[in-house]
Amino acid sequence: MPATIRDVAKASGVHISTVSRTFSAPHLVNPETRGRVLACAEELGYRPNRAARALITGRTHNVGLIVADIANPFFPPLIKAAERQARLRDYHVFVADTNEDPTAEEDLVHALAKQVDGILLCSPRMSNSLIEQLSREVPLVVINRQVPGLPCVVMDVGQGARSAVEHLLGLGHRTIALLGGPRGSWTNREMRRAASAAARAGGADLAVLGPNPPTGIGGSALAEQVRRSGASAVLAYNDLMAIGLIEGLDALGVRVPQDVSVVGIDDIALSRLTRPKLTTVATPTAAAGRTAVDMLLQQDAGTSRVMRAGRYAAADDRRTTAQVMLQTELVIRDSTAPVLRSGRNPSGAGLAGPGPHRPADPDHPVVTTGGSVAS
């Protein structure tokens, strides 16, 4: 016969209500008592009835995690870390993929809202106003994007982009192309602003090619544009695009890094396996997953929630607006090298348009060629 809550209470020497709180509201139980109860529960093989507990506490002990593209190697380490952190807190994670579609994001939030205690939105493509509206329906923590008034965990991609451009400037590059990511991406905007500022400060021209799909195919398709731009170095929106670009350039007879230096962002496992190994900006995706889970569960534990007309509302209306920024780090490998003495790439072309003395504009790149500026 399976162990019951009464068995655990008797074995651990506590009241049944203490056992119940240990599983439903562990932060309310003395750590020593909680440890004893959990140890006895484990020894007896006791598992709480989640459905019954949800009816009593109003909490499902489930968390939703919505990602932009589960096939992108950037996301699995984040998902894995979030799931592990949630399990440590006796929560389960439901993972959903939007395929970069903002409409799918909205639909998934609505679908999960009544099945989970909160949702982690990772790299969302929806507008800030819509995300804020959805937060009234279910507690949200946003990852990899800043949304005013909502708790967020972001990686400092702006600093990463600056470090990447400064690295290229130190190698003598003065014509740099930035491969933009998808329209509506917060990361894309942060990269563009930071890279533009760093290029201006270093007296370099920056060509922005984009927006583009953030995939290897998307990067490969830009190889001809990069060659025509005359850029001797490239900063890509992510590692997948950078790796795809290297493949596309190779098909055109353009060597990396001898002819063109390439830098990615993310430091996915594949970046260490390519030839040449990819210089990239490492982003702490696992730390972001863990931090976001803790932030969401802290918000849930500290807030009494009620449903009014099918909408979530905090009883005291004091939702946390905490924002955590995690540091990035430039990892220098084999895909970057000093610029050719001539300062030109094999095509012999230079960047068209105004030079580095163009008046500063913090929201736009110095030069744009071959595509529109990402919004």
Protein backbone atom coordinates (compact mmCIF):
# COMPACT_ATOMS: atom_id res chain seq x y z
CA MET A 1 0.00 0.00 0.00
CA PRO A 2 1.42 3.42 -0.94
CA ALA A 3 2.60 5.64 1.90
CA THR A 4 0.21 8.37 3.02
CA ILE A 5 0.68 11.81 4.46
CA ARG A 6 -0.17 10.36 7.88
CA ASP A 7 2.69 7.86 7.55
CA VAL A 8 5.15 10.67 6.79
CA ALA A 9 3.85 12.77 9.71
CA LYS A 10 4.25 9.86 12.13
CA ALA A 11 7.73 8.93 10.87
CA SER A 12 9.01 12.52 11.06
CA GLY A 13 7.30 13.37 14.35
CA VAL A 14 5.30 16.31 13.05
CA HIS A 15 1.66 17.18 12.49
CA ILE A 16 -0.02 16.35 9.16
CA SER A 17 -0.36 20.08 8.42
CA THR A 18 3.43 20.47 8.65
CA VAL A 19 3.91 17.75 6.07
CA SER A 20 1.36 19.46 3.84
CA ARG A 21 3.14 22.83 4.15
CA THR A 22 6.48 21.18 3.44
CA PHE A 23 5.23 20.29 -0.03
CA SER A 24 2.84 23.19 -0.73
CA ALA A 25 4.68 26.13 0.91
CA PRO A 26 8.19 24.97 1.88
CA HIS A 27 9.34 28.54 2.63
CA LEU A 28 6.98 28.52 5.64
CA VAL A 29 8.60 25.46 7.24
CA ASN A 30 11.72 25.50 9.39
CA PRO A 31 14.62 24.24 7.19
CA GLU A 32 15.59 21.51 9.68
CA THR A 33 11.99 20.28 9.95
CA ARG A 34 11.53 20.48 6.19
CA GLY A 35 14.64 18.41 5.64
CA ARG A 36 13.45 15.74 8.09
CA VAL A 37 10.02 15.55 6.48
CA LEU A 38 11.47 15.29 2.97
CA ALA A 39 13.91 12.60 4.07
CA CYS A 40 11.11 10.53 5.62
CA ALA A 41 8.92 11.04 2.55
CA GLU A 42 11.75 9.83 0.33
CA GLU A 43 12.41 6.80 2.51
CA LEU A 44 8.72 5.85 2.55
CA GLY A 45 8.27 6.53 -1.15
CA TYR A 46 5.58 9.13 -0.48
CA ARG A 47 4.47 11.32 -3.37
CA PRO A 48 1.92 14.11 -2.77
CA ASN A 49 -1.27 14.16 -4.80
CA ARG A 50 -0.69 17.16 -7.04
CA ALA A 51 -4.30 17.44 -8.15
CA ALA A 52 -5.58 17.49 -4.58
CA ARG A 53 -2.89 19.91 -3.52
CA ALA A 54 -3.79 22.26 -6.36
CA LEU A 55 -7.42 22.29 -5.23
CA ILE A 56 -6.38 23.22 -1.70
CA THR A 57 -3.59 25.71 -2.40
CA GLY A 58 -4.65 27.13 -5.75
CA ARG A 59 -1.20 26.30 -7.11
CA THR A 60 -0.44 23.68 -9.74
CA HIS A 61 3.33 23.49 -9.10
CA ASN A 62 3.77 23.71 -12.86
CA VAL A 63 5.68 26.39 -14.76
CA GLY A 64 5.46 27.23 -18.46
CA LEU A 65 8.59 27.98 -20.50
CA ILE A 66 7.99 29.46 -23.95
CA VAL A 67 10.99 29.75 -26.29
CA ALA A 68 11.34 31.34 -29.73
CA ASP A 69 12.93 28.33 -31.45
CA ILE A 70 13.63 25.09 -29.62
CA ALA A 71 15.81 23.91 -32.55
CA ASN A 72 18.26 26.76 -31.89
CA PRO A 73 21.18 25.38 -29.79
CA PHE A 74 21.03 28.54 -27.67
CA PHE A 75 17.88 27.33 -25.89
CA PRO A 76 18.51 23.71 -24.72
CA PRO A 77 21.06 24.65 -21.98
CA LEU A 78 18.61 27.27 -20.70
CA ILE A 79 15.71 24.80 -20.77
CA LYS A 80 17.75 22.09 -19.03
CA ALA A 81 18.90 24.47 -16.27
CA ALA A 82 15.37 25.82 -15.75
CA GLU A 83 13.91 22.31 -15.49
CA ARG A 84 16.54 21.22 -12.98
CA GLN A 85 16.03 24.34 -10.86
CA ALA A 86 12.28 23.86 -10.92
CA ARG A 87 12.56 20.19 -9.87
CA LEU A 88 14.67 21.22 -6.89
CA ARG A 89 11.70 23.36 -5.85
CA ASP A 90 9.20 20.53 -6.54
CA TYR A 91 7.89 22.15 -9.73
CA HIS A 92 7.47 20.76 -13.24
CA VAL A 93 8.15 22.69 -16.45
CA PHE A 94 6.02 22.66 -19.59
CA VAL A 95 8.12 23.71 -22.61
CA ALA A 96 6.56 25.23 -25.74
CA ASP A 97 8.07 26.48 -29.01
CA THR A 98 6.76 29.45 -31.04
CA ASN A 99 8.96 29.15 -34.14
CA GLU A 100 9.67 32.91 -33.95
CA ASP A 101 5.95 33.66 -34.35
CA PRO A 102 4.53 36.38 -32.03
CA THR A 103 0.96 35.21 -32.67
CA ALA A 104 1.89 31.71 -31.51
CA GLU A 105 3.45 33.23 -28.39
CA GLU A 106 0.23 34.97 -27.44
CA ASP A 107 -1.84 31.83 -28.09
CA LEU A 108 0.49 29.72 -25.95
CA VAL A 109 0.33 32.13 -23.01
CA HIS A 110 -3.47 31.96 -23.10
CA ALA A 111 -3.39 28.15 -23.38
CA LEU A 112 -0.96 27.66 -20.48
CA ALA A 113 -2.30 30.36 -18.15
CA LYS A 114 -4.79 28.10 -16.34
CA GLN A 115 -2.43 25.11 -16.18
CA VAL A 116 0.61 26.73 -14.56
CA ASP A 117 1.53 29.04 -11.70
CA GLY A 118 3.58 31.28 -13.97
CA ILE A 119 5.31 31.48 -17.34
CA LEU A 120 8.88 32.18 -18.43
CA LEU A 121 8.92 34.03 -21.77
CA CYS A 122 12.29 33.54 -23.44
CA SER A 123 13.29 35.91 -26.27
CA PRO A 124 9.67 36.88 -27.00
CA ARG A 125 8.78 38.58 -30.29
CA MET A 126 5.54 40.16 -29.07
CA SER A 127 5.27 43.89 -28.38
CA ASN A 128 5.97 45.17 -24.86
CA SER A 129 2.39 46.36 -24.53
CA LEU A 130 1.00 42.91 -25.32
CA ILE A 131 3.42 41.21 -22.92
CA GLU A 132 2.36 43.61 -20.17
CA GLN A 133 -1.28 42.89 -20.95
CA LEU A 134 -0.70 39.13 -20.74
CA SER A 135 1.03 39.57 -17.37
CA ARG A 136 -2.39 40.51 -15.99
CA GLU A 137 -3.59 37.03 -16.86
CA VAL A 138 -0.70 35.01 -15.45
CA PRO A 139 2.58 35.86 -13.64
CA LEU A 140 5.39 36.33 -16.18
CA VAL A 141 9.17 36.55 -16.05
CA VAL A 142 10.82 37.64 -19.29
CA ILE A 143 14.21 36.25 -20.32
CA ASN A 144 16.50 37.94 -22.84
CA ARG A 145 14.39 41.06 -23.10
CA GLN A 146 13.64 44.11 -20.97
CA VAL A 147 9.97 44.94 -20.54
CA PRO A 148 9.28 47.97 -18.32
CA GLY A 149 7.32 47.06 -15.21
CA LEU A 150 7.92 43.30 -15.45
CA PRO A 151 10.57 41.06 -13.87
CA CYS A 152 13.28 40.29 -16.42
CA VAL A 153 16.51 38.31 -16.70
CA VAL A 154 18.73 39.61 -19.48
CA MET A 155 22.22 38.90 -20.73
CA ASP A 156 24.37 41.95 -21.40
CA VAL A 157 24.58 41.50 -25.16
CA GLY A 158 25.30 45.20 -25.52
CA GLN A 159 28.57 44.83 -23.65
CA GLY A 160 29.25 41.65 -25.62
CA ALA A 161 28.78 43.45 -28.93
CA ARG A 162 31.04 46.28 -27.79
CA SER A 163 33.74 43.81 -26.77
CA ALA A 164 33.47 42.04 -30.13
CA VAL A 165 33.78 45.27 -32.14
CA GLU A 166 36.67 46.48 -29.97
CA HIS A 167 38.42 43.15 -30.57
CA LEU A 168 38.02 43.60 -34.32
CA LEU A 169 39.23 47.20 -34.11
CA GLY A 170 42.29 45.98 -32.23
CA LEU A 171 43.04 43.67 -35.16
CA GLY A 172 43.00 46.65 -37.50
CA HIS A 173 39.53 46.21 -39.05
CA ARG A 174 37.84 49.45 -40.05
CA THR A 175 35.04 48.08 -42.26
CA ILE A 176 32.71 45.85 -40.26
CA ALA A 177 29.36 44.28 -41.16
CA LEU A 178 26.70 43.52 -38.57
CA LEU A 179 24.35 40.68 -39.49
CA GLY A 180 21.04 41.63 -37.88
CA GLY A 181 18.61 39.12 -36.41
CA PRO A 182 14.81 38.97 -36.53
CA ARG A 183 12.66 42.07 -36.48
CA GLY A 184 11.21 42.70 -33.04
CA SER A 185 14.20 41.18 -31.22
CA TRP A 186 15.38 43.10 -28.16
CA THR A 187 18.81 41.46 -28.50
CA ASN A 188 19.03 42.69 -32.08
CA ARG A 189 18.38 46.30 -31.03
CA GLU A 190 20.87 46.15 -28.17
CA MET A 191 23.57 44.70 -30.41
CA ARG A 192 23.00 47.31 -33.11
CA ARG A 193 23.21 50.26 -30.73
CA ALA A 194 26.29 48.99 -28.93
CA ALA A 195 28.14 47.93 -32.09
CA SER A 196 27.37 51.25 -33.77
CA ALA A 197 28.70 53.23 -30.82
CA ALA A 198 31.86 51.12 -30.59
CA ALA A 199 32.51 51.43 -34.34
CA ARG A 200 32.11 55.23 -34.24
CA ALA A 201 34.43 55.48 -31.25
CA GLY A 202 37.05 53.44 -33.10
CA GLY A 203 36.76 55.38 -36.37
CA ALA A 204 35.28 52.43 -38.24
CA ASP A 205 32.40 52.04 -40.69
CA LEU A 206 29.57 49.67 -39.79
CA ALA A 207 27.26 48.11 -42.38
CA VAL A 208 24.02 46.64 -41.02
CA LEU A 209 22.57 43.79 -43.05
CA GLY A 210 19.13 42.82 -41.87
CA PRO A 211 16.74 41.95 -40.40
CA ASN A 212 17.36 38.26 -41.09
CA PRO A 213 16.20 34.85 -39.88
CA PRO A 214 18.56 33.84 -37.00
CA THR A 215 19.60 30.54 -38.58
CA GLY A 216 22.55 28.95 -40.31
CA ILE A 217 20.71 29.18 -43.63
CA GLY A 218 20.07 32.86 -42.94
CA GLY A 219 23.78 33.45 -42.38
CA SER A 220 24.84 31.49 -45.45
CA ALA A 221 22.46 33.49 -47.64
CA LEU A 222 24.25 36.71 -46.64
CA ALA A 223 27.69 35.63 -47.87
CA GLU A 224 27.41 37.44 -51.22
CA GLN A 225 26.18 40.63 -49.54
CA VAL A 226 29.08 40.52 -47.11
CA ARG A 227 31.55 40.11 -49.96
CA ARG A 228 30.02 43.01 -51.91
CA SER A 229 30.01 45.25 -48.82
CA GLY A 230 33.80 45.20 -48.69
CA ALA A 231 33.73 44.45 -44.97
CA SER A 232 36.87 42.81 -43.63
CA ALA A 233 35.10 41.64 -40.47
CA VAL A 234 31.60 40.53 -39.45
CA LEU A 235 29.67 40.41 -36.19
CA ALA A 236 26.68 38.08 -36.48
CA TYR A 237 23.46 38.11 -34.44
CA ASN A 238 24.22 34.61 -33.17
CA ASP A 239 26.57 31.68 -33.66
CA LEU A 240 24.25 29.88 -36.06
CA MET A 241 24.32 32.81 -38.46
CA ALA A 242 28.09 33.15 -38.06
CA ILE A 243 28.68 29.47 -38.82
CA GLY A 244 26.32 29.64 -41.81
CA LEU A 245 28.13 32.73 -43.08
CA ILE A 246 31.50 30.97 -42.86
CA GLU A 247 30.10 28.13 -44.95
CA GLY A 248 28.66 30.56 -47.49
CA LEU A 249 31.91 32.52 -47.76
CA ASP A 250 33.88 29.32 -48.23
CA ALA A 251 31.64 28.44 -51.19
CA LEU A 252 32.57 31.82 -52.71
CA GLY A 253 36.29 31.24 -52.19
CA VAL A 254 36.51 33.75 -49.33
CA ARG A 255 38.68 32.47 -46.49
CA VAL A 256 37.96 32.93 -42.78
CA PRO A 257 39.86 34.48 -41.06
CA GLN A 258 42.52 35.27 -43.70
CA ASP A 259 40.14 37.34 -45.85
CA VAL A 260 37.23 38.05 -43.51
CA SER A 261 37.08 37.75 -39.71
CA VAL A 262 33.82 36.48 -38.20
CA VAL A 263 32.45 36.79 -34.65
CA GLY A 264 29.27 35.19 -33.32
CA ILE A 265 27.24 35.53 -30.14
CA ASP A 266 26.08 32.76 -27.74
CA ASP A 267 29.04 30.31 -27.58
CA ILE A 268 26.94 27.27 -28.45
CA ALA A 269 28.72 23.89 -28.43
CA LEU A 270 28.95 23.88 -32.23
CA SER A 271 31.11 27.02 -32.17
CA ARG A 272 33.94 24.97 -30.67
CA LEU A 273 33.61 22.19 -33.24
CA THR A 274 33.65 24.20 -36.48
CA ARG A 275 36.76 24.87 -38.51
CA PRO A 276 37.89 27.51 -37.89
CA LYS A 277 36.72 27.49 -34.31
CA LEU A 278 34.42 30.45 -33.84
CA THR A 279 35.33 33.59 -31.92
CA THR A 280 32.16 34.46 -30.06
CA VAL A 281 30.52 36.19 -27.10
CA ALA A 282 29.57 33.65 -24.44
CA THR A 283 26.13 34.21 -22.93
CA PRO A 284 25.23 32.64 -19.54
CA THR A 285 22.12 30.83 -20.74
CA ALA A 286 22.06 28.22 -17.96
CA ALA A 287 22.38 30.91 -15.29
CA ALA A 288 19.54 32.79 -16.96
CA GLY A 289 17.29 29.74 -16.76
CA ARG A 290 18.03 29.14 -13.08
CA THR A 291 17.63 32.80 -12.15
CA ALA A 292 14.34 33.16 -14.00
CA VAL A 293 12.84 30.12 -12.25
CA ASP A 294 13.86 31.45 -8.84
CA MET A 295 12.45 34.87 -9.69
CA LEU A 296 9.13 33.43 -10.84
CA LEU A 297 8.71 31.11 -7.84
CA GLN A 298 9.67 33.87 -5.44
CA GLN A 299 7.03 36.05 -7.04
CA ASP A 300 4.46 33.24 -6.78
CA ALA A 301 5.30 32.41 -3.17
CA GLY A 302 5.12 36.02 -2.04
CA THR A 303 1.87 36.93 -3.75
CA SER A 304 -1.67 35.91 -2.91
CA ARG A 305 -3.41 35.42 -6.26
CA VAL A 306 -7.05 35.55 -7.15
CA MET A 307 -8.91 35.21 -10.42
CA ARG A 308 -11.37 37.89 -11.39
CA ALA A 309 -13.41 37.39 -14.55
CA GLY A 310 -10.84 34.88 -15.78
CA ARG A 311 -7.93 37.29 -15.22
CA TYR A 312 -5.03 37.02 -12.80
CA ALA A 313 -4.70 39.71 -10.17
CA ALA A 314 -2.39 40.06 -7.21
CA ALA A 315 -4.41 40.50 -4.04
CA ASP A 316 -2.06 43.27 -2.95
CA ASP A 317 -1.19 44.29 -6.54
CA ARG A 318 2.53 44.35 -5.75
CA ARG A 319 4.12 42.36 -8.53
CA THR A 320 7.89 42.36 -8.53
CA THR A 321 9.62 44.44 -11.21
CA ALA A 322 13.11 43.15 -10.45
CA GLN A 323 15.58 43.04 -13.33
CA VAL A 324 18.74 40.94 -13.36
CA MET A 325 21.51 41.48 -15.91
CA LEU A 326 24.03 38.70 -16.40
CA GLN A 327 27.48 39.39 -17.79
CA THR A 328 28.74 38.15 -21.16
CA GLU A 329 32.32 37.33 -22.11
CA LEU A 330 34.26 37.49 -25.38
CA VAL A 331 35.87 34.13 -26.25
CA ILE A 332 38.64 34.53 -28.84
CA ARG A 333 39.28 31.51 -31.06
CA ASP A 334 40.37 31.02 -34.67
CA SER A 335 37.82 32.89 -36.83
CA THR A 336 39.34 36.35 -36.29
CA ALA A 337 42.73 37.62 -37.42
CA PRO A 338 44.49 40.93 -38.26
CA VAL A 339 43.16 42.72 -41.32
CA LEU A 340 45.09 42.43 -44.61
CA ARG A 341 47.72 45.13 -45.04
CA SER A 342 45.72 46.67 -47.90
CA GLY A 343 42.76 47.13 -45.57
CA ARG A 344 40.49 45.54 -48.19
CA ASN A 345 38.98 42.13 -48.62
CA PRO A 346 39.56 39.98 -51.74
CA SER A 347 36.71 41.65 -53.64
CA GLY A 348 38.66 44.91 -53.61
CA ALA A 349 35.53 46.79 -52.59
CA GLY A 350 35.26 49.33 -49.84
CA LEU A 351 32.16 50.42 -47.98
CA ALA A 352 29.99 52.96 -49.79
CA GLY A 353 28.55 56.04 -48.13
CA PRO A 354 29.74 58.44 -45.42
CA GLY A 355 32.94 57.78 -43.56
CA PRO A 356 33.66 57.53 -39.85
CA HIS A 357 33.26 61.27 -39.29
CA ARG A 358 29.52 61.15 -39.85
CA PRO A 359 27.71 62.90 -36.92
CA ALA A 360 26.89 60.47 -34.11
CA ASP A 361 23.40 59.03 -33.94
CA PRO A 362 23.02 56.58 -31.02
CA ASP A 363 20.04 54.76 -32.55
CA HIS A 364 21.40 54.09 -36.05
CA PRO A 365 24.58 52.61 -37.50
CA VAL A 366 27.16 54.76 -39.22
CA VAL A 367 26.62 53.11 -42.60
CA THR A 368 23.99 50.71 -43.90
CA THR A 369 24.35 48.70 -47.07
CA GLY A 370 22.59 45.74 -48.58
CA GLY A 371 19.58 45.79 -46.26
CA SER A 372 17.39 47.80 -43.97
CA VAL A 373 18.22 48.76 -40.43
CA ALA A 374 16.56 46.37 -37.99
CA SER A 375 13.83 47.94 -35.95
